[in-house]
Amino acid sequence: MKIFVFEDNLLWSSRLVKTLRAFGHEPAVKVALPDDVAGYQIAIVNLGSPKIDASSLVPQLKSHGIHVIGHAGHKEKEVLELGRQAGCDTIATNSELTFKIEAMLDRIIENFPKT
């Protein structure tokens, strides 16, 4: 599955890309929504990034039918709440994303409409 990774932190983005590839996905790291979103069904968004405006990005992704996973540090309660308010389908702490991403993606994919 093609998955957007909206991330400006090089360590996080490389970790996520490596993990997603290991699970058979095709990640694409971005900091802004590209013109072509065809084939992407999931996006992982760093809600705490100063370079990514999650409050406008999340609704744009949702308008394309993309399931949005927003993440931030477990102590960043206000940032996680902003992700909820922006419309993220799934909210995760960074540690949840690190240790539970496979199960999280499996649940999301399982609930996609069958074509």
N, C-alpha and C. Protein backbone atom coordinates (compact mmCIF):
# COMPACT_ATOMS: atom_id res chain seq x y z
N MET A 1 0.84 -1.18 0.00
CA MET A 1 0.00 0.00 0.00
C MET A 1 0.88 1.24 0.00
N LYS A 2 0.45 2.25 -0.74
CA LYS A 2 1.18 3.51 -0.79
C LYS A 2 0.76 4.37 0.40
N ILE A 3 1.76 4.83 1.17
CA ILE A 3 1.50 5.59 2.39
C ILE A 3 2.32 6.87 2.39
N PHE A 4 1.64 8.00 2.58
CA PHE A 4 2.35 9.26 2.76
C PHE A 4 2.91 9.31 4.18
N VAL A 5 4.09 9.85 4.32
CA VAL A 5 4.69 10.12 5.64
C VAL A 5 5.02 11.61 5.64
N PHE A 6 4.21 12.39 6.34
CA PHE A 6 4.44 13.83 6.43
C PHE A 6 5.30 14.08 7.65
N GLU A 7 6.58 14.30 7.39
CA GLU A 7 7.58 14.34 8.44
C GLU A 7 8.76 15.19 8.00
N ASP A 8 9.26 16.03 8.89
CA ASP A 8 10.45 16.82 8.58
C ASP A 8 11.65 16.40 9.42
N ASN A 9 11.45 15.48 10.33
CA ASN A 9 12.53 14.98 11.17
C ASN A 9 13.18 13.80 10.45
N LEU A 10 14.45 13.95 10.10
CA LEU A 10 15.15 12.94 9.32
C LEU A 10 15.22 11.59 10.02
N LEU A 11 15.42 11.59 11.34
CA LEU A 11 15.49 10.32 12.08
C LEU A 11 14.14 9.61 12.06
N TRP A 12 13.07 10.36 12.34
CA TRP A 12 11.73 9.76 12.33
C TRP A 12 11.36 9.28 10.95
N SER A 13 11.59 10.11 9.95
CA SER A 13 11.18 9.72 8.60
C SER A 13 11.93 8.48 8.13
N SER A 14 13.22 8.41 8.40
CA SER A 14 13.97 7.22 7.97
C SER A 14 13.52 5.98 8.73
N ARG A 15 13.20 6.13 10.00
CA ARG A 15 12.70 5.00 10.79
C ARG A 15 11.35 4.52 10.27
N LEU A 16 10.46 5.46 10.00
CA LEU A 16 9.14 5.09 9.49
C LEU A 16 9.23 4.45 8.11
N VAL A 17 10.05 5.02 7.24
CA VAL A 17 10.21 4.47 5.90
C VAL A 17 10.73 3.04 5.97
N LYS A 18 11.74 2.81 6.77
CA LYS A 18 12.32 1.47 6.91
C LYS A 18 11.28 0.48 7.44
N THR A 19 10.55 0.89 8.45
CA THR A 19 9.52 0.03 9.03
C THR A 19 8.41 -0.27 8.03
N LEU A 20 7.91 0.76 7.36
CA LEU A 20 6.83 0.57 6.40
C LEU A 20 7.26 -0.33 5.24
N ARG A 21 8.47 -0.14 4.76
CA ARG A 21 8.98 -1.01 3.69
C ARG A 21 9.09 -2.45 4.16
N ALA A 22 9.52 -2.65 5.40
CA ALA A 22 9.64 -4.01 5.94
C ALA A 22 8.29 -4.71 5.97
N PHE A 23 7.22 -3.96 6.11
CA PHE A 23 5.87 -4.53 6.12
C PHE A 23 5.25 -4.56 4.73
N GLY A 24 6.02 -4.24 3.70
CA GLY A 24 5.56 -4.35 2.33
C GLY A 24 4.86 -3.13 1.76
N HIS A 25 4.95 -2.00 2.44
CA HIS A 25 4.29 -0.78 1.97
C HIS A 25 5.25 0.08 1.17
N GLU A 26 4.70 1.06 0.47
CA GLU A 26 5.48 2.00 -0.33
C GLU A 26 5.33 3.40 0.26
N PRO A 27 6.24 3.79 1.16
CA PRO A 27 6.14 5.12 1.77
C PRO A 27 6.72 6.22 0.90
N ALA A 28 6.14 7.41 1.01
CA ALA A 28 6.66 8.61 0.34
C ALA A 28 6.70 9.72 1.38
N VAL A 29 7.90 10.23 1.66
CA VAL A 29 8.07 11.28 2.66
C VAL A 29 7.80 12.63 2.02
N LYS A 30 6.96 13.42 2.68
CA LYS A 30 6.58 14.74 2.20
C LYS A 30 6.50 15.70 3.38
N VAL A 31 6.53 17.01 3.09
CA VAL A 31 6.24 18.02 4.11
C VAL A 31 5.01 18.84 3.71
N ALA A 32 4.56 18.66 2.47
CA ALA A 32 3.35 19.34 1.99
C ALA A 32 2.62 18.39 1.05
N LEU A 33 1.34 18.62 0.89
CA LEU A 33 0.52 17.77 0.03
C LEU A 33 0.93 17.95 -1.42
N PRO A 34 1.32 16.86 -2.09
CA PRO A 34 1.67 16.98 -3.51
C PRO A 34 0.41 17.09 -4.37
N ASP A 35 0.59 17.47 -5.62
CA ASP A 35 -0.55 17.57 -6.54
C ASP A 35 -1.18 16.20 -6.81
N ASP A 36 -0.34 15.18 -6.92
CA ASP A 36 -0.83 13.84 -7.25
C ASP A 36 -0.90 12.98 -6.00
N VAL A 37 -2.12 12.64 -5.59
CA VAL A 37 -2.31 11.78 -4.42
C VAL A 37 -2.89 10.42 -4.82
N ALA A 38 -2.96 10.16 -6.11
CA ALA A 38 -3.56 8.92 -6.61
C ALA A 38 -2.85 7.71 -6.03
N GLY A 39 -3.65 6.77 -5.54
CA GLY A 39 -3.12 5.52 -5.02
C GLY A 39 -2.78 5.53 -3.55
N TYR A 40 -2.78 6.70 -2.93
CA TYR A 40 -2.48 6.79 -1.50
C TYR A 40 -3.76 6.67 -0.69
N GLN A 41 -3.75 5.79 0.28
CA GLN A 41 -4.94 5.58 1.11
C GLN A 41 -4.70 5.94 2.57
N ILE A 42 -3.43 6.04 2.97
CA ILE A 42 -3.09 6.33 4.35
C ILE A 42 -2.01 7.41 4.37
N ALA A 43 -2.09 8.29 5.38
CA ALA A 43 -1.05 9.29 5.61
C ALA A 43 -0.72 9.29 7.10
N ILE A 44 0.55 9.37 7.39
CA ILE A 44 1.03 9.50 8.76
C ILE A 44 1.56 10.92 8.88
N VAL A 45 1.00 11.69 9.82
CA VAL A 45 1.31 13.11 9.93
C VAL A 45 1.91 13.41 11.31
N ASN A 46 3.07 14.04 11.31
CA ASN A 46 3.68 14.51 12.55
C ASN A 46 2.97 15.79 12.96
N LEU A 47 2.11 15.68 13.95
CA LEU A 47 1.30 16.82 14.38
C LEU A 47 2.13 17.91 15.04
N GLY A 48 3.28 17.55 15.57
CA GLY A 48 4.11 18.52 16.28
C GLY A 48 5.16 19.20 15.44
N SER A 49 5.18 18.92 14.16
CA SER A 49 6.19 19.51 13.28
C SER A 49 5.95 21.00 13.08
N PRO A 50 6.99 21.82 13.24
CA PRO A 50 6.82 23.26 12.98
C PRO A 50 6.72 23.57 11.49
N LYS A 51 7.11 22.63 10.63
CA LYS A 51 7.11 22.86 9.19
C LYS A 51 5.85 22.33 8.49
N ILE A 52 5.04 21.58 9.24
CA ILE A 52 3.84 20.98 8.65
C ILE A 52 2.62 21.58 9.34
N ASP A 53 1.75 22.20 8.57
CA ASP A 53 0.53 22.79 9.13
C ASP A 53 -0.57 21.73 9.14
N ALA A 54 -0.57 20.93 10.20
CA ALA A 54 -1.50 19.81 10.28
C ALA A 54 -2.96 20.26 10.25
N SER A 55 -3.25 21.43 10.79
CA SER A 55 -4.64 21.89 10.83
C SER A 55 -5.22 22.11 9.44
N SER A 56 -4.39 22.41 8.45
CA SER A 56 -4.90 22.52 7.08
C SER A 56 -4.60 21.26 6.26
N LEU A 57 -3.50 20.58 6.56
CA LEU A 57 -3.14 19.38 5.82
C LEU A 57 -4.12 18.24 6.05
N VAL A 58 -4.50 18.01 7.29
CA VAL A 58 -5.39 16.88 7.61
C VAL A 58 -6.71 16.97 6.84
N PRO A 59 -7.42 18.11 6.88
CA PRO A 59 -8.66 18.18 6.09
C PRO A 59 -8.45 17.99 4.59
N GLN A 60 -7.32 18.47 4.06
CA GLN A 60 -7.03 18.27 2.65
C GLN A 60 -6.88 16.78 2.34
N LEU A 61 -6.13 16.07 3.20
CA LEU A 61 -5.96 14.63 3.01
C LEU A 61 -7.31 13.92 3.08
N LYS A 62 -8.11 14.28 4.07
CA LYS A 62 -9.42 13.66 4.26
C LYS A 62 -10.32 13.90 3.05
N SER A 63 -10.20 15.08 2.42
CA SER A 63 -11.04 15.37 1.25
C SER A 63 -10.71 14.46 0.08
N HIS A 64 -9.54 13.85 0.11
CA HIS A 64 -9.13 12.89 -0.93
C HIS A 64 -9.42 11.45 -0.50
N GLY A 65 -10.10 11.28 0.64
CA GLY A 65 -10.43 9.94 1.12
C GLY A 65 -9.27 9.21 1.76
N ILE A 66 -8.26 9.94 2.18
CA ILE A 66 -7.07 9.33 2.79
C ILE A 66 -7.26 9.24 4.30
N HIS A 67 -7.00 8.05 4.85
CA HIS A 67 -7.07 7.83 6.30
C HIS A 67 -5.84 8.48 6.92
N VAL A 68 -6.05 9.33 7.92
CA VAL A 68 -4.95 10.09 8.51
C VAL A 68 -4.64 9.59 9.92
N ILE A 69 -3.37 9.23 10.10
CA ILE A 69 -2.84 8.89 11.42
C ILE A 69 -2.01 10.09 11.87
N GLY A 70 -2.44 10.74 12.92
CA GLY A 70 -1.68 11.86 13.47
C GLY A 70 -0.90 11.39 14.67
N HIS A 71 0.34 11.86 14.82
CA HIS A 71 1.13 11.44 15.98
C HIS A 71 1.92 12.60 16.57
N ALA A 72 2.19 12.47 17.86
CA ALA A 72 2.99 13.45 18.60
C ALA A 72 3.47 12.76 19.87
N GLY A 73 4.30 13.42 20.60
CA GLY A 73 4.80 12.88 21.86
C GLY A 73 3.68 12.69 22.88
N HIS A 74 3.85 11.71 23.77
CA HIS A 74 2.78 11.40 24.73
C HIS A 74 2.51 12.55 25.69
N LYS A 75 3.47 13.43 25.90
CA LYS A 75 3.26 14.58 26.78
C LYS A 75 2.67 15.77 26.04
N GLU A 76 2.57 15.69 24.73
CA GLU A 76 2.05 16.79 23.91
C GLU A 76 0.53 16.68 23.78
N LYS A 77 -0.15 16.73 24.91
CA LYS A 77 -1.61 16.55 24.94
C LYS A 77 -2.33 17.57 24.05
N GLU A 78 -1.89 18.82 24.09
CA GLU A 78 -2.55 19.85 23.28
C GLU A 78 -2.36 19.59 21.79
N VAL A 79 -1.20 19.10 21.42
CA VAL A 79 -0.91 18.81 20.01
C VAL A 79 -1.77 17.63 19.55
N LEU A 80 -1.87 16.60 20.39
CA LEU A 80 -2.71 15.45 20.06
C LEU A 80 -4.17 15.87 19.93
N GLU A 81 -4.61 16.78 20.80
CA GLU A 81 -5.99 17.28 20.72
C GLU A 81 -6.21 18.08 19.45
N LEU A 82 -5.22 18.86 19.02
CA LEU A 82 -5.34 19.59 17.77
C LEU A 82 -5.50 18.63 16.60
N GLY A 83 -4.82 17.48 16.67
CA GLY A 83 -4.98 16.46 15.64
C GLY A 83 -6.40 15.92 15.60
N ARG A 84 -6.97 15.70 16.77
CA ARG A 84 -8.38 15.24 16.84
C ARG A 84 -9.30 16.29 16.22
N GLN A 85 -9.09 17.55 16.60
CA GLN A 85 -9.92 18.63 16.09
C GLN A 85 -9.76 18.82 14.58
N ALA A 86 -8.56 18.56 14.07
CA ALA A 86 -8.31 18.70 12.63
C ALA A 86 -8.97 17.58 11.84
N GLY A 87 -9.33 16.48 12.53
CA GLY A 87 -10.03 15.39 11.85
C GLY A 87 -9.25 14.12 11.63
N CYS A 88 -8.11 13.96 12.32
CA CYS A 88 -7.35 12.72 12.18
C CYS A 88 -8.24 11.52 12.50
N ASP A 89 -8.13 10.48 11.69
CA ASP A 89 -8.90 9.25 11.92
C ASP A 89 -8.32 8.45 13.08
N THR A 90 -7.01 8.51 13.22
CA THR A 90 -6.31 7.78 14.28
C THR A 90 -5.31 8.74 14.90
N ILE A 91 -5.27 8.74 16.23
CA ILE A 91 -4.29 9.54 16.97
C ILE A 91 -3.38 8.56 17.71
N ALA A 92 -2.07 8.78 17.61
CA ALA A 92 -1.12 7.89 18.26
C ALA A 92 0.01 8.71 18.86
N THR A 93 0.54 8.20 19.96
CA THR A 93 1.75 8.80 20.50
C THR A 93 2.92 8.27 19.67
N ASN A 94 4.05 8.92 19.77
CA ASN A 94 5.22 8.47 19.02
C ASN A 94 5.59 7.04 19.37
N SER A 95 5.50 6.69 20.65
CA SER A 95 5.86 5.32 21.04
C SER A 95 4.85 4.31 20.50
N GLU A 96 3.57 4.67 20.47
CA GLU A 96 2.58 3.77 19.87
C GLU A 96 2.88 3.56 18.40
N LEU A 97 3.25 4.63 17.72
CA LEU A 97 3.57 4.52 16.31
C LEU A 97 4.79 3.62 16.11
N THR A 98 5.77 3.76 16.98
CA THR A 98 6.98 2.96 16.89
C THR A 98 6.72 1.48 17.12
N PHE A 99 5.98 1.17 18.17
CA PHE A 99 5.85 -0.22 18.59
C PHE A 99 4.59 -0.93 18.11
N LYS A 100 3.60 -0.18 17.63
CA LYS A 100 2.32 -0.80 17.26
C LYS A 100 1.88 -0.47 15.84
N ILE A 101 2.79 0.02 15.02
CA ILE A 101 2.39 0.47 13.69
C ILE A 101 1.84 -0.65 12.83
N GLU A 102 2.41 -1.85 12.92
CA GLU A 102 1.92 -2.95 12.08
C GLU A 102 0.47 -3.28 12.42
N ALA A 103 0.16 -3.44 13.69
CA ALA A 103 -1.21 -3.75 14.11
C ALA A 103 -2.15 -2.59 13.77
N MET A 104 -1.68 -1.37 13.93
CA MET A 104 -2.49 -0.19 13.63
C MET A 104 -2.86 -0.17 12.15
N LEU A 105 -1.88 -0.39 11.29
CA LEU A 105 -2.13 -0.41 9.85
C LEU A 105 -3.03 -1.57 9.45
N ASP A 106 -2.82 -2.74 10.06
CA ASP A 106 -3.67 -3.90 9.76
C ASP A 106 -5.13 -3.59 10.07
N ARG A 107 -5.40 -2.95 11.23
CA ARG A 107 -6.79 -2.60 11.60
C ARG A 107 -7.38 -1.60 10.61
N ILE A 108 -6.59 -0.62 10.23
CA ILE A 108 -7.07 0.40 9.29
C ILE A 108 -7.39 -0.24 7.95
N ILE A 109 -6.46 -1.02 7.42
CA ILE A 109 -6.64 -1.65 6.10
C ILE A 109 -7.82 -2.62 6.12
N GLU A 110 -7.97 -3.33 7.23
CA GLU A 110 -9.08 -4.29 7.37
C GLU A 110 -10.43 -3.60 7.25
N ASN A 111 -10.48 -2.32 7.66
CA ASN A 111 -11.75 -1.59 7.64
C ASN A 111 -11.98 -0.77 6.37
N PHE A 112 -11.04 -0.83 5.42
CA PHE A 112 -11.26 -0.16 4.15
C PHE A 112 -12.40 -0.86 3.41
N PRO A 113 -13.18 -0.09 2.68
CA PRO A 113 -14.25 -0.72 1.88
C PRO A 113 -13.63 -1.68 0.86
N LYS A 114 -14.27 -2.80 0.70
CA LYS A 114 -13.80 -3.80 -0.28
C LYS A 114 -14.25 -3.36 -1.67
N THR A 115 -13.33 -3.43 -2.62
CA THR A 115 -13.68 -3.01 -3.99
C THR A 115 -13.84 -4.21 -4.89
